[in-house]
Amino acid sequence: MAFSGATLHHYTAADEHTPLRLYVFAPPTRQGGGAWAGIVFFHGSGWVEGWVEPFSAYARALAVQGILAVCADYRTQKSHGATPFDAACDARAAVRWLRAHAAEIGLDPRRLAAAGASSGAHVALCAAVFPDAAGETISARPDALVLFSAVTDTTAEGYLAGVPLFGGRERELSPRHHLSAGLPPMLLLHGDADAWVPVASARRFASEAAALGNRAELIVFAARGHAFFNHADYRPGVRPDDFFTCLFLTEQFLAGLGWIKPPAGIGSVPLEKSTP
């Protein structure tokens, strides 16, 4: 798979030998010779499978706004016989790779957000919630989070369909059950008709995170399902305007951090399909 306008890099999975892809979309210009703030996207599909292509729509649009945007692959059950624990470790490895190669790709390592959908949001969130291992010299904790239809609770209360993948250890990797103060600011976008990840789990997570003093902004979309945030070219059946609304909210969130200029409004994004 290749994306026009993106540079392909490879990072090493947490197993220390499997190469995984990173598609880097750089802004067209660099102002003042400084480094760009960045965001790395992790795809969904329940830790079972997944494709980086859908988030290229967000990456391409954010790059135009001055964000170094990355679409990251990670090991899944179908691709590598991996578990959710492996996937979460890979997300941490991807964040570390980006920071380690910040000078090479033009990234400001102190302004790196992690984002994702469903299980991809889960692995992004795990990088923030769970501490770095002793001896790590480069932190895997992102500086902000953008979470679409996020699995924030991996117990039966939060995501029943995924419980069998955890082998009885679902609570160990459940962000809601490991919340603490001092987490990065986060934006959660969720549909209240989500049949896979109930909106009640998002509300519980945001409320409990905020109670600890964290910034956890939850925006609920009425009558929207699990995949509502996707661009219609990549997910037939979704409402086209929802993608642009979610993109606008993401830009607004990043602008609030001082990373980009505030968006002028909800616009349109030219897409280009990936090619084999």
Foldseek 3Di string as FASTA:
>chain_A
DDDPQWDWDWFAFPVRHDTWIKTKHAAPDDPPPAFAFEEEEEEDDLLADGDQFQCVQLQNVVNPQGYTYMRIYFHGCVPHVDFLVSRLRRLLRVLQVCLVCCVVNRHDNLRYEYEYAASRLLSSLLLQQDFDDPPDPGRSHHQEYEYELYQQQQDCVFFVVNVVRCVPCRRVSRNQNRAAPDTHAYEYEYECAEPGGHVVVVVSSQVVNVVRVHHYHYDYDYPDYRPQLTACVVPPPHDNVNVLVSSLVVQQVCVVVVNGPRDPDRDDTDDDGDDD
